[in-house]
Amino acid sequence: MGTVRRVCRNVKYWRSPSMALRWTGAAMQEAAKGFRRLKAYKQLPLLQAALAARKARAASSNEHLVKTAKAA
């Protein structure tokens, strides 16, 4: 976020939300030049599958709570 702050500090007056988005996007592109590669990028699909399974379990437990609340 330091790069975003450095790039956007020259703007004195934000005229519109779209201007803020444009400047922030430009700052993020500048910051991307300094990003490093994620070391465990090969394991991202495994993480994605685990998060999807967790979300599915949470959804099923929420359905049970809704049914219980309606019965009460």
PDB file of N, CA and C in Angstrom:
ATOM      1  N   MET A   1       0.813  -1.187   0.000  1.00  0.00           N
ATOM      2  CA  MET A   1       0.000   0.000   0.000  1.00  0.00           C
ATOM      3  C   MET A   1       0.860   1.256   0.000  1.00  0.00           C
ATOM      4  N   GLY A   2       2.104   1.097   0.357  1.00  0.00           N
ATOM      5  CA  GLY A   2       3.006   2.244   0.340  1.00  0.00           C
ATOM      6  C   GLY A   2       3.174   2.808  -1.053  1.00  0.00           C
ATOM      7  N   THR A   3       3.226   1.933  -2.044  1.00  0.00           N
ATOM      8  CA  THR A   3       3.362   2.404  -3.425  1.00  0.00           C
ATOM      9  C   THR A   3       2.113   3.154  -3.855  1.00  0.00           C
ATOM     10  N   VAL A   4       0.952   2.666  -3.474  1.00  0.00           N
ATOM     11  CA  VAL A   4      -0.305   3.357  -3.802  1.00  0.00           C
ATOM     12  C   VAL A   4      -0.309   4.737  -3.155  1.00  0.00           C
ATOM     13  N   ARG A   5       0.115   4.807  -1.908  1.00  0.00           N
ATOM     14  CA  ARG A   5       0.167   6.078  -1.204  1.00  0.00           C
ATOM     15  C   ARG A   5       1.130   7.043  -1.894  1.00  0.00           C
ATOM     16  N   ARG A   6       2.284   6.528  -2.310  1.00  0.00           N
ATOM     17  CA  ARG A   6       3.295   7.368  -2.951  1.00  0.00           C
ATOM     18  C   ARG A   6       2.802   7.892  -4.295  1.00  0.00           C
ATOM     19  N   VAL A   7       2.134   7.038  -5.077  1.00  0.00           N
ATOM     20  CA  VAL A   7       1.654   7.451  -6.392  1.00  0.00           C
ATOM     21  C   VAL A   7       0.492   8.437  -6.268  1.00  0.00           C
ATOM     22  N   CYS A   8      -0.396   8.200  -5.325  1.00  0.00           N
ATOM     23  CA  CYS A   8      -1.610   9.015  -5.217  1.00  0.00           C
ATOM     24  C   CYS A   8      -1.432  10.284  -4.390  1.00  0.00           C
ATOM     25  N   ARG A   9      -0.295  10.491  -3.788  1.00  0.00           N
ATOM     26  CA  ARG A   9      -0.141  11.650  -2.913  1.00  0.00           C
ATOM     27  C   ARG A   9      -0.129  12.978  -3.677  1.00  0.00           C
ATOM     28  N   ASN A  10       0.120  12.949  -4.962  1.00  0.00           N
ATOM     29  CA  ASN A  10       0.161  14.180  -5.739  1.00  0.00           C
ATOM     30  C   ASN A  10      -1.224  14.704  -6.122  1.00  0.00           C
ATOM     31  N   VAL A  11      -2.242  13.898  -5.935  1.00  0.00           N
ATOM     32  CA  VAL A  11      -3.597  14.336  -6.275  1.00  0.00           C
ATOM     33  C   VAL A  11      -4.116  15.196  -5.132  1.00  0.00           C
ATOM     34  N   LYS A  12      -4.476  16.420  -5.451  1.00  0.00           N
ATOM     35  CA  LYS A  12      -4.950  17.350  -4.411  1.00  0.00           C
ATOM     36  C   LYS A  12      -6.474  17.341  -4.274  1.00  0.00           C
ATOM     37  N   TYR A  13      -7.165  17.036  -5.355  1.00  0.00           N
ATOM     38  CA  TYR A  13      -8.623  17.071  -5.339  1.00  0.00           C
ATOM     39  C   TYR A  13      -9.165  15.899  -6.143  1.00  0.00           C
ATOM     40  N   TRP A  14      -9.887  15.006  -5.462  1.00  0.00           N
ATOM     41  CA  TRP A  14     -10.481  13.850  -6.127  1.00  0.00           C
ATOM     42  C   TRP A  14     -11.811  14.281  -6.704  1.00  0.00           C
ATOM     43  N   ARG A  15     -11.913  14.362  -8.018  1.00  0.00           N
ATOM     44  CA  ARG A  15     -13.108  14.890  -8.662  1.00  0.00           C
ATOM     45  C   ARG A  15     -14.267  13.909  -8.686  1.00  0.00           C
ATOM     46  N   SER A  16     -13.987  12.620  -8.756  1.00  0.00           N
ATOM     47  CA  SER A  16     -15.060  11.633  -8.834  1.00  0.00           C
ATOM     48  C   SER A  16     -14.537  10.276  -8.372  1.00  0.00           C
ATOM     49  N   PRO A  17     -15.449   9.363  -8.055  1.00  0.00           N
ATOM     50  CA  PRO A  17     -15.013   8.016  -7.674  1.00  0.00           C
ATOM     51  C   PRO A  17     -14.260   7.309  -8.798  1.00  0.00           C
ATOM     52  N   SER A  18     -14.640   7.571 -10.035  1.00  0.00           N
ATOM     53  CA  SER A  18     -13.942   6.912 -11.135  1.00  0.00           C
ATOM     54  C   SER A  18     -12.498   7.400 -11.237  1.00  0.00           C
ATOM     55  N   MET A  19     -12.255   8.653 -10.886  1.00  0.00           N
ATOM     56  CA  MET A  19     -10.883   9.165 -10.873  1.00  0.00           C
ATOM     57  C   MET A  19     -10.061   8.439  -9.808  1.00  0.00           C
ATOM     58  N   ALA A  20     -10.661   8.242  -8.640  1.00  0.00           N
ATOM     59  CA  ALA A  20      -9.965   7.531  -7.577  1.00  0.00           C
ATOM     60  C   ALA A  20      -9.646   6.103  -8.003  1.00  0.00           C
ATOM     61  N   LEU A  21     -10.589   5.450  -8.682  1.00  0.00           N
ATOM     62  CA  LEU A  21     -10.352   4.085  -9.160  1.00  0.00           C
ATOM     63  C   LEU A  21      -9.235   4.043 -10.193  1.00  0.00           C
ATOM     64  N   ARG A  22      -9.224   5.007 -11.104  1.00  0.00           N
ATOM     65  CA  ARG A  22      -8.165   5.047 -12.126  1.00  0.00           C
ATOM     66  C   ARG A  22      -6.798   5.226 -11.491  1.00  0.00           C
ATOM     67  N   TRP A  23      -6.679   6.155 -10.552  1.00  0.00           N
ATOM     68  CA  TRP A  23      -5.389   6.397  -9.921  1.00  0.00           C
ATOM     69  C   TRP A  23      -4.953   5.200  -9.075  1.00  0.00           C
ATOM     70  N   THR A  24      -5.904   4.596  -8.381  1.00  0.00           N
ATOM     71  CA  THR A  24      -5.568   3.424  -7.573  1.00  0.00           C
ATOM     72  C   THR A  24      -5.143   2.272  -8.464  1.00  0.00           C
ATOM     73  N   GLY A  25      -5.826   2.091  -9.594  1.00  0.00           N
ATOM     74  CA  GLY A  25      -5.440   1.044 -10.541  1.00  0.00           C
ATOM     75  C   GLY A  25      -4.044   1.270 -11.095  1.00  0.00           C
ATOM     76  N   ALA A  26      -3.743   2.521 -11.428  1.00  0.00           N
ATOM     77  CA  ALA A  26      -2.404   2.840 -11.930  1.00  0.00           C
ATOM     78  C   ALA A  26      -1.353   2.581 -10.860  1.00  0.00           C
ATOM     79  N   ALA A  27      -1.683   2.904  -9.620  1.00  0.00           N
ATOM     80  CA  ALA A  27      -0.744   2.673  -8.522  1.00  0.00           C
ATOM     81  C   ALA A  27      -0.526   1.181  -8.285  1.00  0.00           C
ATOM     82  N   MET A  28      -1.589   0.397  -8.404  1.00  0.00           N
ATOM     83  CA  MET A  28      -1.441  -1.052  -8.212  1.00  0.00           C
ATOM     84  C   MET A  28      -0.611  -1.665  -9.331  1.00  0.00           C
ATOM     85  N   GLN A  29      -0.752  -1.156 -10.551  1.00  0.00           N
ATOM     86  CA  GLN A  29       0.095  -1.646 -11.645  1.00  0.00           C
ATOM     87  C   GLN A  29       1.556  -1.316 -11.374  1.00  0.00           C
ATOM     88  N   GLU A  30       1.794  -0.155 -10.813  1.00  0.00           N
ATOM     89  CA  GLU A  30       3.166   0.219 -10.457  1.00  0.00           C
ATOM     90  C   GLU A  30       3.688  -0.679  -9.339  1.00  0.00           C
ATOM     91  N   ALA A  31       2.833  -0.974  -8.358  1.00  0.00           N
ATOM     92  CA  ALA A  31       3.239  -1.820  -7.237  1.00  0.00           C
ATOM     93  C   ALA A  31       3.494  -3.252  -7.692  1.00  0.00           C
ATOM     94  N   ALA A  32       2.778  -3.710  -8.725  1.00  0.00           N
ATOM     95  CA  ALA A  32       2.926  -5.093  -9.199  1.00  0.00           C
ATOM     96  C   ALA A  32       4.334  -5.369  -9.706  1.00  0.00           C
ATOM     97  N   LYS A  33       5.031  -4.347 -10.096  1.00  0.00           N
ATOM     98  CA  LYS A  33       6.404  -4.526 -10.569  1.00  0.00           C
ATOM     99  C   LYS A  33       7.313  -5.059  -9.462  1.00  0.00           C
ATOM    100  N   GLY A  34       6.963  -4.764  -8.219  1.00  0.00           N
ATOM    101  CA  GLY A  34       7.790  -5.196  -7.101  1.00  0.00           C
ATOM    102  C   GLY A  34       7.294  -6.447  -6.402  1.00  0.00           C
ATOM    103  N   PHE A  35       6.196  -7.042  -6.878  1.00  0.00           N
ATOM    104  CA  PHE A  35       5.662  -8.243  -6.240  1.00  0.00           C
ATOM    105  C   PHE A  35       6.568  -9.430  -6.508  1.00  0.00           C
ATOM    106  N   ARG A  36       6.631 -10.326  -5.566  1.00  0.00           N
ATOM    107  CA  ARG A  36       7.392 -11.554  -5.736  1.00  0.00           C
ATOM    108  C   ARG A  36       6.435 -12.702  -5.994  1.00  0.00           C
ATOM    109  N   ARG A  37       6.948 -13.763  -6.585  1.00  0.00           N
ATOM    110  CA  ARG A  37       6.122 -14.931  -6.881  1.00  0.00           C
ATOM    111  C   ARG A  37       5.771 -15.652  -5.577  1.00  0.00           C
ATOM    112  N   LEU A  38       4.576 -16.133  -5.521  1.00  0.00           N
ATOM    113  CA  LEU A  38       4.123 -16.908  -4.381  1.00  0.00           C
ATOM    114  C   LEU A  38       4.845 -18.247  -4.381  1.00  0.00           C
ATOM    115  N   LYS A  39       5.434 -18.615  -3.268  1.00  0.00           N
ATOM    116  CA  LYS A  39       6.245 -19.822  -3.223  1.00  0.00           C
ATOM    117  C   LYS A  39       5.431 -21.097  -3.395  1.00  0.00           C
ATOM    118  N   ALA A  40       4.216 -21.112  -2.889  1.00  0.00           N
ATOM    119  CA  ALA A  40       3.410 -22.337  -2.924  1.00  0.00           C
ATOM    120  C   ALA A  40       2.295 -22.234  -3.969  1.00  0.00           C
ATOM    121  N   TYR A  41       2.573 -21.618  -5.099  1.00  0.00           N
ATOM    122  CA  TYR A  41       1.529 -21.389  -6.090  1.00  0.00           C
ATOM    123  C   TYR A  41       0.975 -22.685  -6.670  1.00  0.00           C
ATOM    124  N   LYS A  42       1.758 -23.770  -6.618  1.00  0.00           N
ATOM    125  CA  LYS A  42       1.267 -25.046  -7.160  1.00  0.00           C
ATOM    126  C   LYS A  42       0.178 -25.650  -6.281  1.00  0.00           C
ATOM    127  N   GLN A  43       0.098 -25.214  -5.031  1.00  0.00           N
ATOM    128  CA  GLN A  43      -0.893 -25.760  -4.106  1.00  0.00           C
ATOM    129  C   GLN A  43      -2.168 -24.921  -4.037  1.00  0.00           C
ATOM    130  N   LEU A  44      -2.272 -23.885  -4.841  1.00  0.00           N
ATOM    131  CA  LEU A  44      -3.470 -23.054  -4.835  1.00  0.00           C
ATOM    132  C   LEU A  44      -4.737 -23.814  -5.209  1.00  0.00           C
ATOM    133  N   PRO A  45      -4.723 -24.735  -6.196  1.00  0.00           N
ATOM    134  CA  PRO A  45      -5.951 -25.500  -6.476  1.00  0.00           C
ATOM    135  C   PRO A  45      -6.413 -26.331  -5.279  1.00  0.00           C
ATOM    136  N   LEU A  46      -5.481 -26.867  -4.513  1.00  0.00           N
ATOM    137  CA  LEU A  46      -5.832 -27.629  -3.317  1.00  0.00           C
ATOM    138  C   LEU A  46      -6.498 -26.725  -2.284  1.00  0.00           C
ATOM    139  N   LEU A  47      -5.962 -25.534  -2.115  1.00  0.00           N
ATOM    140  CA  LEU A  47      -6.558 -24.571  -1.195  1.00  0.00           C
ATOM    141  C   LEU A  47      -7.953 -24.176  -1.655  1.00  0.00           C
ATOM    142  N   GLN A  48      -8.117 -23.963  -2.944  1.00  0.00           N
ATOM    143  CA  GLN A  48      -9.415 -23.594  -3.492  1.00  0.00           C
ATOM    144  C   GLN A  48     -10.446 -24.697  -3.240  1.00  0.00           C
ATOM    145  N   ALA A  49     -10.057 -25.944  -3.430  1.00  0.00           N
ATOM    146  CA  ALA A  49     -10.977 -27.063  -3.191  1.00  0.00           C
ATOM    147  C   ALA A  49     -11.352 -27.159  -1.712  1.00  0.00           C
ATOM    148  N   ALA A  50     -10.373 -26.945  -0.833  1.00  0.00           N
ATOM    149  CA  ALA A  50     -10.643 -27.004   0.608  1.00  0.00           C
ATOM    150  C   ALA A  50     -11.590 -25.888   1.035  1.00  0.00           C
ATOM    151  N   LEU A  51     -11.408 -24.703   0.484  1.00  0.00           N
ATOM    152  CA  LEU A  51     -12.300 -23.594   0.818  1.00  0.00           C
ATOM    153  C   LEU A  51     -13.713 -23.833   0.296  1.00  0.00           C
ATOM    154  N   ALA A  52     -13.841 -24.412  -0.886  1.00  0.00           N
ATOM    155  CA  ALA A  52     -15.161 -24.725  -1.429  1.00  0.00           C
ATOM    156  C   ALA A  52     -15.864 -25.767  -0.574  1.00  0.00           C
ATOM    157  N   ALA A  53     -15.131 -26.776  -0.110  1.00  0.00           N
ATOM    158  CA  ALA A  53     -15.721 -27.806   0.750  1.00  0.00           C
ATOM    159  C   ALA A  53     -16.178 -27.203   2.075  1.00  0.00           C
ATOM    160  N   ARG A  54     -15.385 -26.305   2.618  1.00  0.00           N
ATOM    161  CA  ARG A  54     -15.743 -25.660   3.882  1.00  0.00           C
ATOM    162  C   ARG A  54     -16.996 -24.804   3.699  1.00  0.00           C
ATOM    163  N   LYS A  55     -17.076 -24.107   2.581  1.00  0.00           N
ATOM    164  CA  LYS A  55     -18.244 -23.278   2.304  1.00  0.00           C
ATOM    165  C   LYS A  55     -19.498 -24.138   2.166  1.00  0.00           C
ATOM    166  N   ALA A  56     -19.362 -25.291   1.522  1.00  0.00           N
ATOM    167  CA  ALA A  56     -20.501 -26.201   1.359  1.00  0.00           C
ATOM    168  C   ALA A  56     -20.966 -26.741   2.707  1.00  0.00           C
ATOM    169  N   ARG A  57     -20.015 -27.086   3.574  1.00  0.00           N
ATOM    170  CA  ARG A  57     -20.381 -27.568   4.916  1.00  0.00           C
ATOM    171  C   ARG A  57     -21.089 -26.484   5.712  1.00  0.00           C
ATOM    172  N   ALA A  58     -20.617 -25.254   5.605  1.00  0.00           N
ATOM    173  CA  ALA A  58     -21.236 -24.149   6.336  1.00  0.00           C
ATOM    174  C   ALA A  58     -22.649 -23.898   5.828  1.00  0.00           C
ATOM    175  N   ALA A  59     -22.847 -24.001   4.520  1.00  0.00           N
ATOM    176  CA  ALA A  59     -24.178 -23.789   3.946  1.00  0.00           C
ATOM    177  C   ALA A  59     -25.151 -24.857   4.424  1.00  0.00           C
ATOM    178  N   SER A  60     -24.688 -26.111   4.507  1.00  0.00           N
ATOM    179  CA  SER A  60     -25.587 -27.179   4.945  1.00  0.00           C
ATOM    180  C   SER A  60     -25.934 -27.029   6.425  1.00  0.00           C
ATOM    181  N   SER A  61     -24.984 -26.581   7.248  1.00  0.00           N
ATOM    182  CA  SER A  61     -25.285 -26.388   8.665  1.00  0.00           C
ATOM    183  C   SER A  61     -26.214 -25.197   8.860  1.00  0.00           C
ATOM    184  N   ASN A  62     -26.106 -24.185   8.008  1.00  0.00           N
ATOM    185  CA  ASN A  62     -27.009 -23.042   8.092  1.00  0.00           C
ATOM    186  C   ASN A  62     -28.430 -23.444   7.738  1.00  0.00           C
ATOM    187  N   GLU A  63     -28.601 -24.339   6.769  1.00  0.00           N
ATOM    188  CA  GLU A  63     -29.932 -24.817   6.403  1.00  0.00           C
ATOM    189  C   GLU A  63     -30.568 -25.542   7.578  1.00  0.00           C
ATOM    190  N   HIS A  64     -29.772 -26.329   8.290  1.00  0.00           N
ATOM    191  CA  HIS A  64     -30.282 -27.049   9.453  1.00  0.00           C
ATOM    192  C   HIS A  64     -30.751 -26.050  10.522  1.00  0.00           C
ATOM    193  N   LEU A  65     -29.998 -24.982  10.740  1.00  0.00           N
ATOM    194  CA  LEU A  65     -30.377 -23.989  11.737  1.00  0.00           C
ATOM    195  C   LEU A  65     -31.663 -23.267  11.335  1.00  0.00           C
ATOM    196  N   VAL A  66     -31.836 -22.985  10.064  1.00  0.00           N
ATOM    197  CA  VAL A  66     -33.043 -22.321   9.593  1.00  0.00           C
ATOM    198  C   VAL A  66     -34.251 -23.209   9.811  1.00  0.00           C
ATOM    199  N   LYS A  67     -34.121 -24.499   9.491  1.00  0.00           N
ATOM    200  CA  LYS A  67     -35.226 -25.434   9.697  1.00  0.00           C
ATOM    201  C   LYS A  67     -35.575 -25.558  11.173  1.00  0.00           C
ATOM    202  N   THR A  68     -34.552 -25.592  12.027  1.00  0.00           N
ATOM    203  CA  THR A  68     -34.786 -25.681  13.469  1.00  0.00           C
ATOM    204  C   THR A  68     -35.484 -24.436  13.984  1.00  0.00           C
ATOM    205  N   ALA A  69     -35.061 -23.272  13.493  1.00  0.00           N
ATOM    206  CA  ALA A  69     -35.673 -22.019  13.942  1.00  0.00           C
ATOM    207  C   ALA A  69     -37.132 -21.929  13.505  1.00  0.00           C
ATOM    208  N   LYS A  70     -37.444 -22.415  12.290  1.00  0.00           N
ATOM    209  CA  LYS A  70     -38.824 -22.385  11.811  1.00  0.00           C
ATOM    210  C   LYS A  70     -39.699 -23.323  12.636  1.00  0.00           C
ATOM    211  N   ALA A  71     -39.141 -24.452  13.055  1.00  0.00           N
ATOM    212  CA  ALA A  71     -39.907 -25.419  13.821  1.00  0.00           C
ATOM    213  C   ALA A  71     -40.236 -24.879  15.215  1.00  0.00           C
ATOM    214  N   ALA A  72     -39.348 -24.040  15.734  1.00  0.00           N
ATOM    215  CA  ALA A  72     -39.557 -23.491  17.074  1.00  0.00           C
ATOM    216  C   ALA A  72     -40.550 -22.416  17.018  1.00  0.00           C
TER     217      ALA A  72
END
